[in-house]
Amino acid sequence: MQEERRPPLSDPKAMRALAHPARLSMLNELIMRRTATATTLAEVVGVSPSAASYHLRMLEKYGFVQDAPASGDARERMWAIAPGGITFGYENDDGHGIREAKRLLVDSIWADKDSEARRALEAAPSESEEWRDAMSFGRAHLMITAAELKELRERIEELVRPYSTSSRTDAPEAARYAEMHLSLFPRAARSTPGLPTEDHDAASVAAEDHAAPGARPEDRDAPGAPAGDRGAPGAPAADRDATGG
């Protein structure tokens, strides 16, 4: 049975508390491990056990984590993710304080996701061929209606649900923790800065050509070219249920 969702975040204090990088990392670690002590989380995140305990109490204050049944040494407190997931979105009537808190949280979430993705890319050469073949980083450009975009999101969520660490109990021995970062959004209008009075880009390209003799223009990535269009291994990246909207 699917877990009942909690209402989207609306308290700016709670969002600012969650936006702390160490707390966000600890929360994501708990999502994977299901339960852990402050000491275990401190080692992973790189803070002292006392600092980890403080961060966990702040997360508990706003309902993000809770006590878990003791395991082994009952003297050490076990922590778990509070049920209901964490979601938030923008509303037309959001005040300035709420919008700023959401912006701060979004920035922290994206920084955390980017860090995980970069670490995975750096480790890719040491992965087995099987795992390298399964990895994917990419970007797709769609022509789609709002209803179709929502349907696409729901279909992806349905596909991912059986593999979620929060519910899977039949994972084989070869299974590892993995992440999917998914972002689906309509492109926002860009401002049009106009043409520059001097062609600084041409001078920059000429300098690059001089520094790398023999390099062909087609060997350079065009500015703004999407990773997926350059043939990089590609997969969407973002777990909506983890810590994002």
Protein backbone atom coordinates (compact mmCIF):
# COMPACT_ATOMS: atom_id res chain seq x y z
CA MET A 1 0.00 0.00 0.00
CA GLN A 2 1.35 3.42 -0.96
CA GLU A 3 2.43 5.70 1.85
CA GLU A 4 0.14 8.65 2.57
CA ARG A 5 1.80 11.90 1.52
CA ARG A 6 2.22 14.80 3.89
CA PRO A 7 1.17 18.29 2.73
CA PRO A 8 3.78 20.24 0.72
CA LEU A 9 6.20 22.34 2.77
CA SER A 10 4.96 25.84 3.50
CA ASP A 11 6.84 26.86 6.67
CA PRO A 12 9.86 29.01 5.69
CA LYS A 13 11.65 28.10 8.95
CA ALA A 14 11.33 24.39 8.15
CA MET A 15 12.62 24.94 4.61
CA ARG A 16 15.58 26.97 5.83
CA ALA A 17 16.37 24.29 8.40
CA LEU A 18 16.32 21.61 5.70
CA ALA A 19 18.45 23.69 3.32
CA HIS A 20 21.56 23.29 5.51
CA PRO A 21 23.99 21.19 3.41
CA ALA A 22 24.93 18.82 6.26
CA ARG A 23 21.29 18.21 7.16
CA LEU A 24 20.35 17.58 3.56
CA SER A 25 23.19 15.06 3.21
CA MET A 26 22.18 13.32 6.43
CA LEU A 27 18.57 13.14 5.30
CA ASN A 28 19.54 11.59 1.96
CA GLU A 29 21.78 9.10 3.75
CA LEU A 30 18.86 8.10 5.99
CA ILE A 31 16.65 7.65 2.92
CA MET A 32 19.09 4.99 1.71
CA ARG A 33 20.02 3.37 5.02
CA ARG A 34 16.50 3.62 6.51
CA THR A 35 18.00 3.86 10.02
CA ALA A 36 21.31 5.13 11.40
CA THR A 37 22.91 6.64 14.48
CA ALA A 38 24.23 10.17 14.72
CA THR A 39 27.77 8.75 14.84
CA THR A 40 27.29 6.83 11.59
CA LEU A 41 25.85 9.87 9.85
CA ALA A 42 28.61 12.09 11.23
CA GLU A 43 31.26 9.85 9.65
CA VAL A 44 29.55 9.91 6.25
CA VAL A 45 28.83 13.64 6.18
CA GLY A 46 32.11 14.71 7.79
CA VAL A 47 30.93 16.46 10.94
CA SER A 48 31.44 15.69 14.62
CA PRO A 49 28.96 13.37 16.37
CA SER A 50 27.78 16.26 18.54
CA ALA A 51 27.14 18.41 15.46
CA ALA A 52 25.32 15.51 13.80
CA SER A 53 23.12 15.11 16.89
CA TYR A 54 22.29 18.82 16.79
CA HIS A 55 21.39 18.70 13.08
CA LEU A 56 19.20 15.62 13.64
CA ARG A 57 17.34 17.34 16.47
CA MET A 58 16.67 20.29 14.16
CA LEU A 59 15.36 17.92 11.49
CA GLU A 60 13.22 16.23 14.13
CA LYS A 61 11.85 19.60 15.28
CA TYR A 62 10.35 20.19 11.83
CA GLY A 63 9.13 16.62 11.35
CA PHE A 64 11.69 15.37 8.83
CA VAL A 65 13.15 12.56 10.98
CA GLN A 66 12.04 10.52 13.96
CA ASP A 67 13.20 7.87 16.42
CA ALA A 68 13.77 4.37 15.08
CA PRO A 69 13.74 1.10 17.08
CA ALA A 70 17.04 0.50 18.89
CA SER A 71 19.41 -1.96 17.27
CA GLY A 72 22.38 -3.55 19.02
CA ASP A 73 23.65 -1.02 21.57
CA ALA A 74 20.39 0.39 22.95
CA ARG A 75 22.31 3.30 24.48
CA GLU A 76 22.81 4.85 21.05
CA ARG A 77 19.76 6.57 19.56
CA MET A 78 18.62 5.36 16.15
CA TRP A 79 17.10 7.74 13.62
CA ALA A 80 14.80 7.22 10.63
CA ILE A 81 13.05 9.32 8.00
CA ALA A 82 9.59 10.46 9.09
CA PRO A 83 6.84 8.98 6.88
CA GLY A 84 5.01 11.02 4.26
CA GLY A 85 7.89 12.18 2.05
CA ILE A 86 8.97 15.76 1.47
CA THR A 87 7.57 17.89 -1.35
CA PHE A 88 7.12 21.58 -2.06
CA GLY A 89 6.15 23.80 -4.95
CA TYR A 90 5.60 27.43 -5.85
CA GLU A 91 2.20 29.04 -5.31
CA ASN A 92 0.82 32.30 -6.69
CA ASP A 93 0.20 33.65 -3.19
CA ASP A 94 3.66 32.85 -1.80
CA GLY A 95 4.98 35.83 0.14
CA HIS A 96 8.55 37.11 -0.22
CA GLY A 97 9.81 35.17 2.82
CA ILE A 98 8.37 31.88 1.56
CA ARG A 99 9.74 32.39 -1.96
CA GLU A 100 13.20 33.15 -0.59
CA ALA A 101 13.11 30.06 1.64
CA LYS A 102 12.08 27.91 -1.33
CA ARG A 103 14.83 29.41 -3.49
CA LEU A 104 17.39 28.63 -0.78
CA LEU A 105 16.13 25.06 -0.48
CA VAL A 106 16.14 24.54 -4.25
CA ASP A 107 19.73 25.83 -4.45
CA SER A 108 20.81 23.41 -1.71
CA ILE A 109 19.01 20.45 -3.30
CA TRP A 110 20.57 21.13 -6.70
CA ALA A 111 24.03 21.54 -5.18
CA ASP A 112 23.64 18.21 -3.36
CA LYS A 113 22.42 16.42 -6.48
CA ASP A 114 25.19 17.95 -8.59
CA SER A 115 27.78 16.78 -6.07
CA GLU A 116 26.48 13.20 -6.20
CA ALA A 117 26.39 13.17 -10.01
CA ARG A 118 29.92 14.57 -10.30
CA ARG A 119 31.23 12.02 -7.82
CA ALA A 120 29.62 9.23 -9.86
CA LEU A 121 31.17 10.54 -13.09
CA GLU A 122 34.60 10.76 -11.50
CA ALA A 123 34.27 7.18 -10.23
CA ALA A 124 32.97 5.84 -13.57
CA PRO A 125 36.40 4.73 -14.88
CA SER A 126 36.80 2.40 -11.89
CA GLU A 127 33.33 0.88 -12.23
CA SER A 128 32.79 -2.48 -13.90
CA GLU A 129 31.70 -2.54 -17.53
CA GLU A 130 28.27 -3.75 -16.39
CA TRP A 131 27.72 -0.69 -14.18
CA ARG A 132 29.21 1.75 -16.68
CA ASP A 133 26.82 0.41 -19.31
CA ALA A 134 23.88 0.90 -16.91
CA MET A 135 24.82 4.49 -15.98
CA SER A 136 23.20 7.33 -17.87
CA PHE A 137 23.49 11.13 -17.81
CA GLY A 138 21.59 13.16 -20.34
CA ARG A 139 19.11 15.81 -21.36
CA ALA A 140 16.11 15.69 -23.67
CA HIS A 141 14.18 18.48 -25.36
CA LEU A 142 10.44 17.85 -25.57
CA MET A 143 7.46 19.33 -27.40
CA ILE A 144 4.64 18.55 -25.02
CA THR A 145 1.43 19.80 -23.39
CA ALA A 146 1.04 20.33 -19.63
CA ALA A 147 -1.24 17.28 -19.42
CA GLU A 148 1.26 15.14 -21.32
CA LEU A 149 4.13 16.35 -19.13
CA LYS A 150 2.18 15.39 -16.00
CA GLU A 151 1.35 11.99 -17.49
CA LEU A 152 5.00 11.44 -18.36
CA ARG A 153 6.03 12.29 -14.79
CA GLU A 154 3.46 9.89 -13.33
CA ARG A 155 4.52 7.07 -15.66
CA ILE A 156 8.19 7.54 -14.70
CA GLU A 157 7.28 7.57 -11.00
CA GLU A 158 5.32 4.35 -11.46
CA LEU A 159 8.32 2.70 -13.13
CA VAL A 160 10.70 3.83 -10.38
CA ARG A 161 8.48 2.98 -7.38
CA PRO A 162 9.37 -0.78 -7.17
CA TYR A 163 13.06 0.10 -6.82
CA SER A 164 12.67 2.78 -4.12
CA THR A 165 14.82 2.22 -1.03
CA SER A 166 11.83 3.16 1.11
CA SER A 167 9.79 0.17 -0.03
CA ARG A 168 11.95 -2.48 -1.67
CA THR A 169 12.48 -5.60 0.43
CA ASP A 170 13.49 -8.10 -2.27
CA ALA A 171 16.72 -6.51 -3.55
CA PRO A 172 19.21 -9.15 -4.81
CA GLU A 173 22.74 -9.35 -3.37
CA ALA A 174 24.21 -7.57 -6.40
CA ALA A 175 22.02 -4.50 -5.79
CA ARG A 176 23.65 -1.17 -4.92
CA TYR A 177 22.40 2.23 -3.89
CA ALA A 178 21.72 4.35 -6.96
CA GLU A 179 20.07 7.68 -7.71
CA MET A 180 17.79 8.99 -10.42
CA HIS A 181 17.60 12.76 -10.79
CA LEU A 182 14.47 13.75 -12.68
CA SER A 183 13.51 17.26 -13.72
CA LEU A 184 10.50 17.93 -15.93
CA PHE A 185 9.58 21.56 -16.58
CA PRO A 186 8.40 23.96 -19.28
CA ARG A 187 11.23 26.16 -20.45
CA ALA A 188 10.91 29.68 -19.10
CA ALA A 189 11.26 32.65 -21.43
CA ARG A 190 14.79 34.03 -21.71
CA SER A 191 15.59 37.71 -21.73
CA THR A 192 17.07 38.91 -25.00
CA PRO A 193 20.30 40.81 -24.28
CA GLY A 194 20.84 41.81 -27.91
CA LEU A 195 24.01 41.60 -29.97
CA PRO A 196 27.31 42.78 -28.44
CA THR A 197 28.94 45.87 -29.90
CA GLU A 198 32.21 43.94 -30.25
CA ASP A 199 32.63 40.28 -31.17
CA HIS A 200 34.44 39.14 -28.03
CA ASP A 201 33.41 35.53 -28.68
CA ALA A 202 35.32 35.48 -31.97
CA ALA A 203 38.49 36.61 -30.21
CA SER A 204 37.99 33.93 -27.57
CA VAL A 205 37.54 31.18 -30.19
CA ALA A 206 40.62 32.40 -32.07
CA ALA A 207 42.65 32.20 -28.86
CA GLU A 208 41.46 28.62 -28.31
CA ASP A 209 42.39 27.65 -31.86
CA HIS A 210 45.84 29.15 -31.37
CA ALA A 211 46.30 27.24 -28.11
CA ALA A 212 45.21 23.94 -29.66
CA PRO A 213 46.62 23.71 -33.23
CA GLY A 214 44.75 21.31 -35.47
CA ALA A 215 41.55 21.34 -33.43
CA ARG A 216 38.53 21.34 -35.69
CA PRO A 217 35.50 23.56 -34.88
CA GLU A 218 33.23 20.51 -34.85
CA ASP A 219 35.41 18.97 -32.10
CA ARG A 220 34.40 21.74 -29.73
CA ASP A 221 31.05 21.60 -27.95
CA ALA A 222 28.77 24.35 -29.14
CA PRO A 223 27.83 26.75 -26.33
CA GLY A 224 24.72 25.50 -24.64
CA ALA A 225 24.69 22.13 -26.42
CA PRO A 226 22.86 19.61 -24.22
CA ALA A 227 24.85 16.71 -22.84
CA GLY A 228 22.42 14.19 -24.31
CA ASP A 229 22.79 15.72 -27.79
CA ARG A 230 26.56 15.28 -27.62
CA GLY A 231 26.19 11.53 -27.24
CA ALA A 232 27.04 11.42 -23.54
CA PRO A 233 25.42 8.48 -21.71
CA GLY A 234 22.12 9.98 -20.64
CA ALA A 235 19.51 9.66 -17.92
CA PRO A 236 17.25 12.15 -16.24
CA ALA A 237 18.41 13.14 -12.81
CA ALA A 238 16.12 13.92 -9.66
CA ASP A 239 14.29 12.02 -7.02
CA ARG A 240 11.12 14.00 -6.41
CA ASP A 241 10.30 12.04 -3.29
CA ALA A 242 13.69 12.48 -1.71
CA THR A 243 14.09 16.16 -1.26
CA GLY A 244 12.56 18.17 -4.01
CA GLY A 245 9.44 19.32 -5.69
